[in-house]
Amino acid sequence: MPLYQKPFMKGKMYIHFTVEFPDTLNTDQLKALEGILPPKPTSQLTNMEVDECEETTLHDVNIEEEMKRKQQAAQEAYDEDEEMHGGPQRLQCAQQ
């Protein structure tokens, strides 16, 4: 997507979809969906492809809380740097 008043710069567009799936479908509805959707894949994954798969668990994330947590961690790291004892080393130029 072009940025506002910057036609040569591109930004990111995020689309949030909410999909409601029915609990059941009758035979006519199933046939209609099969006619609209791409065909089912006929090939199975090879053993090599299965070995490369990684199983994971999805978790709901509150983005606002996550951003606050990251901001707080960054501030703590910054505060830690300021608390280092001794301060910066000062060097003097030697006269020759």
PDB file of N, CA and C in Angstrom:
ATOM      1  N   MET A   1       0.845  -1.179   0.000  1.00  0.00           N
ATOM      2  CA  MET A   1       0.000   0.000   0.000  1.00  0.00           C
ATOM      3  C   MET A   1       0.887   1.237   0.000  1.00  0.00           C
ATOM      4  N   PRO A   2       0.558   2.213  -0.835  1.00  0.00           N
ATOM      5  CA  PRO A   2       1.321   3.462  -0.793  1.00  0.00           C
ATOM      6  C   PRO A   2       1.027   4.227   0.494  1.00  0.00           C
ATOM      7  N   LEU A   3       2.046   4.922   0.996  1.00  0.00           N
ATOM      8  CA  LEU A   3       1.868   5.732   2.192  1.00  0.00           C
ATOM      9  C   LEU A   3       1.195   7.049   1.837  1.00  0.00           C
ATOM     10  N   TYR A   4       0.482   7.621   2.772  1.00  0.00           N
ATOM     11  CA  TYR A   4      -0.242   8.869   2.570  1.00  0.00           C
ATOM     12  C   TYR A   4       0.735   9.974   2.181  1.00  0.00           C
ATOM     13  N   GLN A   5       0.501  10.631   1.095  1.00  0.00           N
ATOM     14  CA  GLN A   5       1.273  11.729   0.534  1.00  0.00           C
ATOM     15  C   GLN A   5       2.714  11.335   0.217  1.00  0.00           C
ATOM     16  N   LYS A   6       2.977  10.043   0.095  1.00  0.00           N
ATOM     17  CA  LYS A   6       4.295   9.533  -0.299  1.00  0.00           C
ATOM     18  C   LYS A   6       4.066   8.387  -1.281  1.00  0.00           C
ATOM     19  N   PRO A   7       3.698   8.692  -2.519  1.00  0.00           N
ATOM     20  CA  PRO A   7       3.278   7.642  -3.450  1.00  0.00           C
ATOM     21  C   PRO A   7       4.367   6.639  -3.816  1.00  0.00           C
ATOM     22  N   PHE A   8       5.634   6.979  -3.598  1.00  0.00           N
ATOM     23  CA  PHE A   8       6.694   6.057  -3.984  1.00  0.00           C
ATOM     24  C   PHE A   8       7.171   5.194  -2.818  1.00  0.00           C
ATOM     25  N   MET A   9       6.651   5.456  -1.640  1.00  0.00           N
ATOM     26  CA  MET A   9       6.990   4.631  -0.485  1.00  0.00           C
ATOM     27  C   MET A   9       5.835   3.672  -0.198  1.00  0.00           C
ATOM     28  N   LYS A  10       6.176   2.456   0.131  1.00  0.00           N
ATOM     29  CA  LYS A  10       5.157   1.435   0.375  1.00  0.00           C
ATOM     30  C   LYS A  10       5.141   1.049   1.842  1.00  0.00           C
ATOM     31  N   GLY A  11       3.956   0.828   2.361  1.00  0.00           N
ATOM     32  CA  GLY A  11       3.786   0.383   3.737  1.00  0.00           C
ATOM     33  C   GLY A  11       3.212  -1.020   3.759  1.00  0.00           C
ATOM     34  N   LYS A  12       2.875  -1.492   4.929  1.00  0.00           N
ATOM     35  CA  LYS A  12       2.294  -2.825   5.083  1.00  0.00           C
ATOM     36  C   LYS A  12       0.803  -2.679   5.335  1.00  0.00           C
ATOM     37  N   MET A  13       0.032  -3.585   4.770  1.00  0.00           N
ATOM     38  CA  MET A  13      -1.402  -3.584   4.994  1.00  0.00           C
ATOM     39  C   MET A  13      -1.764  -4.871   5.732  1.00  0.00           C
ATOM     40  N   TYR A  14      -2.423  -4.725   6.854  1.00  0.00           N
ATOM     41  CA  TYR A  14      -2.860  -5.873   7.636  1.00  0.00           C
ATOM     42  C   TYR A  14      -4.372  -5.981   7.530  1.00  0.00           C
ATOM     43  N   ILE A  15      -4.852  -7.180   7.269  1.00  0.00           N
ATOM     44  CA  ILE A  15      -6.287  -7.426   7.184  1.00  0.00           C
ATOM     45  C   ILE A  15      -6.642  -8.460   8.242  1.00  0.00           C
ATOM     46  N   HIS A  16      -7.592  -8.134   9.065  1.00  0.00           N
ATOM     47  CA  HIS A  16      -8.056  -9.041  10.114  1.00  0.00           C
ATOM     48  C   HIS A  16      -9.380  -9.648   9.657  1.00  0.00           C
ATOM     49  N   PHE A  17      -9.414 -10.962   9.503  1.00  0.00           N
ATOM     50  CA  PHE A  17     -10.622 -11.659   9.083  1.00  0.00           C
ATOM     51  C   PHE A  17     -11.259 -12.351  10.280  1.00  0.00           C
ATOM     52  N   THR A  18     -12.551 -12.314  10.339  1.00  0.00           N
ATOM     53  CA  THR A  18     -13.289 -13.111  11.306  1.00  0.00           C
ATOM     54  C   THR A  18     -14.144 -14.087  10.504  1.00  0.00           C
ATOM     55  N   VAL A  19     -13.859 -15.364  10.658  1.00  0.00           N
ATOM     56  CA  VAL A  19     -14.553 -16.396   9.890  1.00  0.00           C
ATOM     57  C   VAL A  19     -15.425 -17.212  10.841  1.00  0.00           C
ATOM     58  N   GLU A  20     -16.674 -17.350  10.499  1.00  0.00           N
ATOM     59  CA  GLU A  20     -17.583 -18.165  11.287  1.00  0.00           C
ATOM     60  C   GLU A  20     -17.874 -19.444  10.502  1.00  0.00           C
ATOM     61  N   PHE A  21     -17.442 -20.573  11.033  1.00  0.00           N
ATOM     62  CA  PHE A  21     -17.653 -21.855  10.387  1.00  0.00           C
ATOM     63  C   PHE A  21     -18.939 -22.476  10.899  1.00  0.00           C
ATOM     64  N   PRO A  22     -19.731 -23.073  10.006  1.00  0.00           N
ATOM     65  CA  PRO A  22     -20.961 -23.736  10.460  1.00  0.00           C
ATOM     66  C   PRO A  22     -20.623 -25.039  11.184  1.00  0.00           C
ATOM     67  N   ASP A  23     -21.520 -25.458  12.054  1.00  0.00           N
ATOM     68  CA  ASP A  23     -21.313 -26.710  12.789  1.00  0.00           C
ATOM     69  C   ASP A  23     -21.520 -27.920  11.886  1.00  0.00           C
ATOM     70  N   THR A  24     -22.486 -27.824  10.963  1.00  0.00           N
ATOM     71  CA  THR A  24     -22.774 -28.940  10.055  1.00  0.00           C
ATOM     72  C   THR A  24     -23.064 -28.405   8.658  1.00  0.00           C
ATOM     73  N   LEU A  25     -22.885 -29.279   7.658  1.00  0.00           N
ATOM     74  CA  LEU A  25     -23.211 -28.969   6.261  1.00  0.00           C
ATOM     75  C   LEU A  25     -23.990 -30.137   5.677  1.00  0.00           C
ATOM     76  N   ASN A  26     -24.969 -29.830   4.822  1.00  0.00           N
ATOM     77  CA  ASN A  26     -25.675 -30.917   4.154  1.00  0.00           C
ATOM     78  C   ASN A  26     -24.930 -31.277   2.867  1.00  0.00           C
ATOM     79  N   THR A  27     -25.367 -32.320   2.192  1.00  0.00           N
ATOM     80  CA  THR A  27     -24.681 -32.835   1.002  1.00  0.00           C
ATOM     81  C   THR A  27     -24.598 -31.798  -0.100  1.00  0.00           C
ATOM     82  N   ASP A  28     -25.658 -31.043  -0.344  1.00  0.00           N
ATOM     83  CA  ASP A  28     -25.645 -30.027  -1.400  1.00  0.00           C
ATOM     84  C   ASP A  28     -24.624 -28.919  -1.090  1.00  0.00           C
ATOM     85  N   GLN A  29     -24.550 -28.534   0.159  1.00  0.00           N
ATOM     86  CA  GLN A  29     -23.590 -27.509   0.553  1.00  0.00           C
ATOM     87  C   GLN A  29     -22.151 -28.006   0.389  1.00  0.00           C
ATOM     88  N   LEU A  30     -21.904 -29.275   0.723  1.00  0.00           N
ATOM     89  CA  LEU A  30     -20.574 -29.852   0.549  1.00  0.00           C
ATOM     90  C   LEU A  30     -20.168 -29.869  -0.921  1.00  0.00           C
ATOM     91  N   LYS A  31     -21.092 -30.269  -1.780  1.00  0.00           N
ATOM     92  CA  LYS A  31     -20.800 -30.298  -3.221  1.00  0.00           C
ATOM     93  C   LYS A  31     -20.533 -28.895  -3.752  1.00  0.00           C
ATOM     94  N   ALA A  32     -21.288 -27.914  -3.275  1.00  0.00           N
ATOM     95  CA  ALA A  32     -21.082 -26.528  -3.702  1.00  0.00           C
ATOM     96  C   ALA A  32     -19.696 -26.039  -3.278  1.00  0.00           C
ATOM     97  N   LEU A  33     -19.285 -26.350  -2.053  1.00  0.00           N
ATOM     98  CA  LEU A  33     -17.955 -25.964  -1.587  1.00  0.00           C
ATOM     99  C   LEU A  33     -16.854 -26.647  -2.390  1.00  0.00           C
ATOM    100  N   GLU A  34     -17.025 -27.923  -2.688  1.00  0.00           N
ATOM    101  CA  GLU A  34     -16.029 -28.643  -3.478  1.00  0.00           C
ATOM    102  C   GLU A  34     -15.898 -28.050  -4.875  1.00  0.00           C
ATOM    103  N   GLY A  35     -16.989 -27.508  -5.408  1.00  0.00           N
ATOM    104  CA  GLY A  35     -16.933 -26.882  -6.725  1.00  0.00           C
ATOM    105  C   GLY A  35     -16.238 -25.528  -6.701  1.00  0.00           C
ATOM    106  N   ILE A  36     -16.279 -24.837  -5.561  1.00  0.00           N
ATOM    107  CA  ILE A  36     -15.680 -23.509  -5.440  1.00  0.00           C
ATOM    108  C   ILE A  36     -14.212 -23.581  -5.028  1.00  0.00           C
ATOM    109  N   LEU A  37     -13.910 -24.458  -4.073  1.00  0.00           N
ATOM    110  CA  LEU A  37     -12.556 -24.538  -3.525  1.00  0.00           C
ATOM    111  C   LEU A  37     -11.628 -25.311  -4.447  1.00  0.00           C
ATOM    112  N   PRO A  38     -10.315 -25.074  -4.318  1.00  0.00           N
ATOM    113  CA  PRO A  38      -9.364 -25.864  -5.118  1.00  0.00           C
ATOM    114  C   PRO A  38      -9.451 -27.338  -4.728  1.00  0.00           C
ATOM    115  N   PRO A  39      -9.037 -28.233  -5.622  1.00  0.00           N
ATOM    116  CA  PRO A  39      -9.137 -29.667  -5.318  1.00  0.00           C
ATOM    117  C   PRO A  39      -8.257 -30.056  -4.138  1.00  0.00           C
ATOM    118  N   LYS A  40      -8.669 -31.125  -3.469  1.00  0.00           N
ATOM    119  CA  LYS A  40      -7.893 -31.645  -2.341  1.00  0.00           C
ATOM    120  C   LYS A  40      -6.538 -32.125  -2.855  1.00  0.00           C
ATOM    121  N   PRO A  41      -5.477 -31.915  -2.084  1.00  0.00           N
ATOM    122  CA  PRO A  41      -4.172 -32.420  -2.525  1.00  0.00           C
ATOM    123  C   PRO A  41      -4.188 -33.945  -2.547  1.00  0.00           C
ATOM    124  N   THR A  42      -3.624 -34.510  -3.586  1.00  0.00           N
ATOM    125  CA  THR A  42      -3.639 -35.966  -3.724  1.00  0.00           C
ATOM    126  C   THR A  42      -2.391 -36.600  -3.138  1.00  0.00           C
ATOM    127  N   SER A  43      -1.293 -35.846  -3.045  1.00  0.00           N
ATOM    128  CA  SER A  43      -0.049 -36.440  -2.555  1.00  0.00           C
ATOM    129  C   SER A  43       0.052 -36.316  -1.044  1.00  0.00           C
ATOM    130  N   GLN A  44       0.686 -37.295  -0.466  1.00  0.00           N
ATOM    131  CA  GLN A  44       0.960 -37.292   0.968  1.00  0.00           C
ATOM    132  C   GLN A  44       2.370 -36.736   1.182  1.00  0.00           C
ATOM    133  N   LEU A  45       2.643 -36.251   2.372  1.00  0.00           N
ATOM    134  CA  LEU A  45       3.982 -35.775   2.691  1.00  0.00           C
ATOM    135  C   LEU A  45       4.949 -36.952   2.715  1.00  0.00           C
ATOM    136  N   THR A  46       6.156 -36.718   2.214  1.00  0.00           N
ATOM    137  CA  THR A  46       7.183 -37.753   2.279  1.00  0.00           C
ATOM    138  C   THR A  46       7.725 -37.806   3.701  1.00  0.00           C
ATOM    139  N   ASN A  47       8.432 -38.882   4.024  1.00  0.00           N
ATOM    140  CA  ASN A  47       9.037 -39.010   5.355  1.00  0.00           C
ATOM    141  C   ASN A  47       9.992 -37.856   5.619  1.00  0.00           C
ATOM    142  N   MET A  48      10.701 -37.422   4.586  1.00  0.00           N
ATOM    143  CA  MET A  48      11.642 -36.312   4.739  1.00  0.00           C
ATOM    144  C   MET A  48      10.895 -35.019   5.075  1.00  0.00           C
ATOM    145  N   GLU A  49       9.781 -34.790   4.412  1.00  0.00           N
ATOM    146  CA  GLU A  49       8.981 -33.593   4.686  1.00  0.00           C
ATOM    147  C   GLU A  49       8.382 -33.638   6.089  1.00  0.00           C
ATOM    148  N   VAL A  50       7.953 -34.816   6.509  1.00  0.00           N
ATOM    149  CA  VAL A  50       7.395 -34.969   7.853  1.00  0.00           C
ATOM    150  C   VAL A  50       8.474 -34.689   8.892  1.00  0.00           C
ATOM    151  N   ASP A  51       9.707 -35.158   8.643  1.00  0.00           N
ATOM    152  CA  ASP A  51      10.810 -34.922   9.578  1.00  0.00           C
ATOM    153  C   ASP A  51      11.131 -33.440   9.713  1.00  0.00           C
ATOM    154  N   GLU A  52      10.900 -32.652   8.653  1.00  0.00           N
ATOM    155  CA  GLU A  52      11.198 -31.226   8.683  1.00  0.00           C
ATOM    156  C   GLU A  52      10.084 -30.416   9.348  1.00  0.00           C
ATOM    157  N   CYS A  53       8.945 -31.043   9.605  1.00  0.00           N
ATOM    158  CA  CYS A  53       7.836 -30.337  10.249  1.00  0.00           C
ATOM    159  C   CYS A  53       8.140 -30.140  11.723  1.00  0.00           C
ATOM    160  N   GLU A  54       7.624 -29.060  12.256  1.00  0.00           N
ATOM    161  CA  GLU A  54       7.797 -28.780  13.673  1.00  0.00           C
ATOM    162  C   GLU A  54       6.428 -28.603  14.307  1.00  0.00           C
ATOM    163  N   GLU A  55       6.180 -29.355  15.355  1.00  0.00           N
ATOM    164  CA  GLU A  55       4.898 -29.255  16.048  1.00  0.00           C
ATOM    165  C   GLU A  55       4.966 -28.116  17.049  1.00  0.00           C
ATOM    166  N   THR A  56       3.935 -27.333  17.101  1.00  0.00           N
ATOM    167  CA  THR A  56       3.911 -26.204  18.023  1.00  0.00           C
ATOM    168  C   THR A  56       2.507 -25.995  18.560  1.00  0.00           C
ATOM    169  N   THR A  57       2.383 -25.174  19.552  1.00  0.00           N
ATOM    170  CA  THR A  57       1.089 -24.853  20.139  1.00  0.00           C
ATOM    171  C   THR A  57       0.848 -23.363  19.982  1.00  0.00           C
ATOM    172  N   LEU A  58      -0.316 -23.010  19.510  1.00  0.00           N
ATOM    173  CA  LEU A  58      -0.667 -21.603  19.369  1.00  0.00           C
ATOM    174  C   LEU A  58      -1.225 -21.085  20.688  1.00  0.00           C
ATOM    175  N   HIS A  59      -0.861 -19.858  21.007  1.00  0.00           N
ATOM    176  CA  HIS A  59      -1.349 -19.223  22.227  1.00  0.00           C
ATOM    177  C   HIS A  59      -1.967 -17.885  21.867  1.00  0.00           C
ATOM    178  N   ASP A  60      -3.050 -17.538  22.536  1.00  0.00           N
ATOM    179  CA  ASP A  60      -3.622 -16.204  22.369  1.00  0.00           C
ATOM    180  C   ASP A  60      -2.670 -15.198  23.004  1.00  0.00           C
ATOM    181  N   VAL A  61      -2.457 -14.085  22.319  1.00  0.00           N
ATOM    182  CA  VAL A  61      -1.543 -13.066  22.809  1.00  0.00           C
ATOM    183  C   VAL A  61      -2.262 -11.731  22.846  1.00  0.00           C
ATOM    184  N   ASN A  62      -2.101 -11.030  23.949  1.00  0.00           N
ATOM    185  CA  ASN A  62      -2.615  -9.676  24.062  1.00  0.00           C
ATOM    186  C   ASN A  62      -1.488  -8.756  23.604  1.00  0.00           C
ATOM    187  N   ILE A  63      -1.617  -8.187  22.409  1.00  0.00           N
ATOM    188  CA  ILE A  63      -0.550  -7.389  21.812  1.00  0.00           C
ATOM    189  C   ILE A  63      -0.187  -6.204  22.698  1.00  0.00           C
ATOM    190  N   GLU A  64      -1.176  -5.541  23.274  1.00  0.00           N
ATOM    191  CA  GLU A  64      -0.897  -4.374  24.108  1.00  0.00           C
ATOM    192  C   GLU A  64      -0.050  -4.761  25.319  1.00  0.00           C
ATOM    193  N   GLU A  65      -0.387  -5.882  25.956  1.00  0.00           N
ATOM    194  CA  GLU A  65       0.392  -6.344  27.109  1.00  0.00           C
ATOM    195  C   GLU A  65       1.808  -6.730  26.691  1.00  0.00           C
ATOM    196  N   GLU A  66       1.931  -7.378  25.544  1.00  0.00           N
ATOM    197  CA  GLU A  66       3.244  -7.797  25.055  1.00  0.00           C
ATOM    198  C   GLU A  66       4.125  -6.586  24.749  1.00  0.00           C
ATOM    199  N   MET A  67       3.550  -5.555  24.153  1.00  0.00           N
ATOM    200  CA  MET A  67       4.307  -4.342  23.847  1.00  0.00           C
ATOM    201  C   MET A  67       4.749  -3.648  25.142  1.00  0.00           C
ATOM    202  N   LYS A  68       3.868  -3.598  26.146  1.00  0.00           N
ATOM    203  CA  LYS A  68       4.231  -3.001  27.434  1.00  0.00           C
ATOM    204  C   LYS A  68       5.372  -3.782  28.086  1.00  0.00           C
ATOM    205  N   ARG A  69       5.304  -5.114  28.003  1.00  0.00           N
ATOM    206  CA  ARG A  69       6.344  -5.956  28.600  1.00  0.00           C
ATOM    207  C   ARG A  69       7.688  -5.707  27.925  1.00  0.00           C
ATOM    208  N   LYS A  70       7.705  -5.638  26.590  1.00  0.00           N
ATOM    209  CA  LYS A  70       8.946  -5.394  25.862  1.00  0.00           C
ATOM    210  C   LYS A  70       9.501  -4.005  26.168  1.00  0.00           C
ATOM    211  N   GLN A  71       8.621  -3.025  26.264  1.00  0.00           N
ATOM    212  CA  GLN A  71       9.033  -1.662  26.573  1.00  0.00           C
ATOM    213  C   GLN A  71       9.646  -1.604  27.972  1.00  0.00           C
ATOM    214  N   GLN A  72       9.035  -2.300  28.920  1.00  0.00           N
ATOM    215  CA  GLN A  72       9.541  -2.315  30.283  1.00  0.00           C
ATOM    216  C   GLN A  72      10.909  -3.003  30.340  1.00  0.00           C
ATOM    217  N   ALA A  73      11.071  -4.103  29.603  1.00  0.00           N
ATOM    218  CA  ALA A  73      12.348  -4.813  29.585  1.00  0.00           C
ATOM    219  C   ALA A  73      13.440  -3.925  28.983  1.00  0.00           C
ATOM    220  N   ALA A  74      13.109  -3.179  27.937  1.00  0.00           N
ATOM    221  CA  ALA A  74      14.082  -2.275  27.312  1.00  0.00           C
ATOM    222  C   ALA A  74      14.464  -1.167  28.283  1.00  0.00           C
ATOM    223  N   GLN A  75      13.494  -0.637  29.016  1.00  0.00           N
ATOM    224  CA  GLN A  75      13.775   0.428  29.986  1.00  0.00           C
ATOM    225  C   GLN A  75      14.657  -0.101  31.116  1.00  0.00           C
ATOM    226  N   GLU A  76      14.393  -1.330  31.563  1.00  0.00           N
ATOM    227  CA  GLU A  76      15.213  -1.916  32.620  1.00  0.00           C
ATOM    228  C   GLU A  76      16.648  -2.101  32.156  1.00  0.00           C
ATOM    229  N   ALA A  77      16.840  -2.522  30.905  1.00  0.00           N
ATOM    230  CA  ALA A  77      18.192  -2.684  30.363  1.00  0.00           C
ATOM    231  C   ALA A  77      18.895  -1.329  30.300  1.00  0.00           C
ATOM    232  N   TYR A  78      18.179  -0.286  29.920  1.00  0.00           N
ATOM    233  CA  TYR A  78      18.734   1.058  29.846  1.00  0.00           C
ATOM    234  C   TYR A  78      19.110   1.534  31.243  1.00  0.00           C
ATOM    235  N   ASP A  79      18.233   1.307  32.227  1.00  0.00           N
ATOM    236  CA  ASP A  79      18.506   1.706  33.603  1.00  0.00           C
ATOM    237  C   ASP A  79      19.727   0.967  34.145  1.00  0.00           C
ATOM    238  N   GLU A  80      19.872  -0.314  33.771  1.00  0.00           N
ATOM    239  CA  GLU A  80      21.017  -1.107  34.207  1.00  0.00           C
ATOM    240  C   GLU A  80      22.311  -0.494  33.725  1.00  0.00           C
ATOM    241  N   ASP A  81      22.341  -0.039  32.468  1.00  0.00           N
ATOM    242  CA  ASP A  81      23.538   0.589  31.905  1.00  0.00           C
ATOM    243  C   ASP A  81      23.911   1.842  32.689  1.00  0.00           C
ATOM    244  N   GLU A  82      22.910   2.627  33.115  1.00  0.00           N
ATOM    245  CA  GLU A  82      23.174   3.857  33.848  1.00  0.00           C
ATOM    246  C   GLU A  82      23.690   3.571  35.256  1.00  0.00           C
ATOM    247  N   GLU A  83      23.327   2.435  35.824  1.00  0.00           N
ATOM    248  CA  GLU A  83      23.700   2.108  37.193  1.00  0.00           C
ATOM    249  C   GLU A  83      25.087   1.500  37.310  1.00  0.00           C
ATOM    250  N   MET A  84      25.756   1.236  36.202  1.00  0.00           N
ATOM    251  CA  MET A  84      27.091   0.632  36.268  1.00  0.00           C
ATOM    252  C   MET A  84      28.014   1.542  37.061  1.00  0.00           C
ATOM    253  N   HIS A  85      28.758   0.942  38.008  1.00  0.00           N
ATOM    254  CA  HIS A  85      29.638   1.719  38.874  1.00  0.00           C
ATOM    255  C   HIS A  85      30.901   2.133  38.131  1.00  0.00           C
ATOM    256  N   GLY A  86      31.442   3.246  38.506  1.00  0.00           N
ATOM    257  CA  GLY A  86      32.695   3.698  37.926  1.00  0.00           C
ATOM    258  C   GLY A  86      32.496   4.693  36.810  1.00  0.00           C
ATOM    259  N   GLY A  87      31.418   4.619  36.137  1.00  0.00           N
ATOM    260  CA  GLY A  87      31.161   5.554  35.049  1.00  0.00           C
ATOM    261  C   GLY A  87      32.131   5.352  33.903  1.00  0.00           C
ATOM    262  N   PRO A  88      32.076   6.239  32.933  1.00  0.00           N
ATOM    263  CA  PRO A  88      32.964   6.080  31.771  1.00  0.00           C
ATOM    264  C   PRO A  88      34.414   6.374  32.160  1.00  0.00           C
ATOM    265  N   GLN A  89      35.330   5.689  31.549  1.00  0.00           N
ATOM    266  CA  GLN A  89      36.754   5.910  31.784  1.00  0.00           C
ATOM    267  C   GLN A  89      37.163   7.205  31.079  1.00  0.00           C
ATOM    268  N   ARG A  90      37.916   8.014  31.775  1.00  0.00           N
ATOM    269  CA  ARG A  90      38.376   9.276  31.182  1.00  0.00           C
ATOM    270  C   ARG A  90      39.868   9.157  30.910  1.00  0.00           C
ATOM    271  N   LEU A  91      40.240   9.452  29.710  1.00  0.00           N
ATOM    272  CA  LEU A  91      41.639   9.412  29.319  1.00  0.00           C
ATOM    273  C   LEU A  91      42.147  10.816  29.094  1.00  0.00           C
ATOM    274  N   GLN A  92      43.386  11.044  29.430  1.00  0.00           N
ATOM    275  CA  GLN A  92      43.976  12.347  29.184  1.00  0.00           C
ATOM    276  C   GLN A  92      45.043  12.175  28.116  1.00  0.00           C
ATOM    277  N   CYS A  93      45.177  13.183  27.305  1.00  0.00           N
ATOM    278  CA  CYS A  93      46.221  13.145  26.273  1.00  0.00           C
ATOM    279  C   CYS A  93      47.566  13.347  26.943  1.00  0.00           C
ATOM    280  N   ALA A  94      48.499  12.537  26.566  1.00  0.00           N
ATOM    281  CA  ALA A  94      49.851  12.650  27.121  1.00  0.00           C
ATOM    282  C   ALA A  94      50.626  13.701  26.337  1.00  0.00           C
ATOM    283  N   GLN A  95      51.364  14.552  27.056  1.00  0.00           N
ATOM    284  CA  GLN A  95      52.207  15.554  26.418  1.00  0.00           C
ATOM    285  C   GLN A  95      53.536  14.946  26.075  1.00  0.00           C
ATOM    286  N   GLN A  96      54.063  15.292  24.905  1.00  0.00           N
ATOM    287  CA  GLN A  96      55.370  14.764  24.511  1.00  0.00           C
ATOM    288  C   GLN A  96      56.408  15.839  24.483  1.00  0.00           C
TER     289      GLN A  96
END
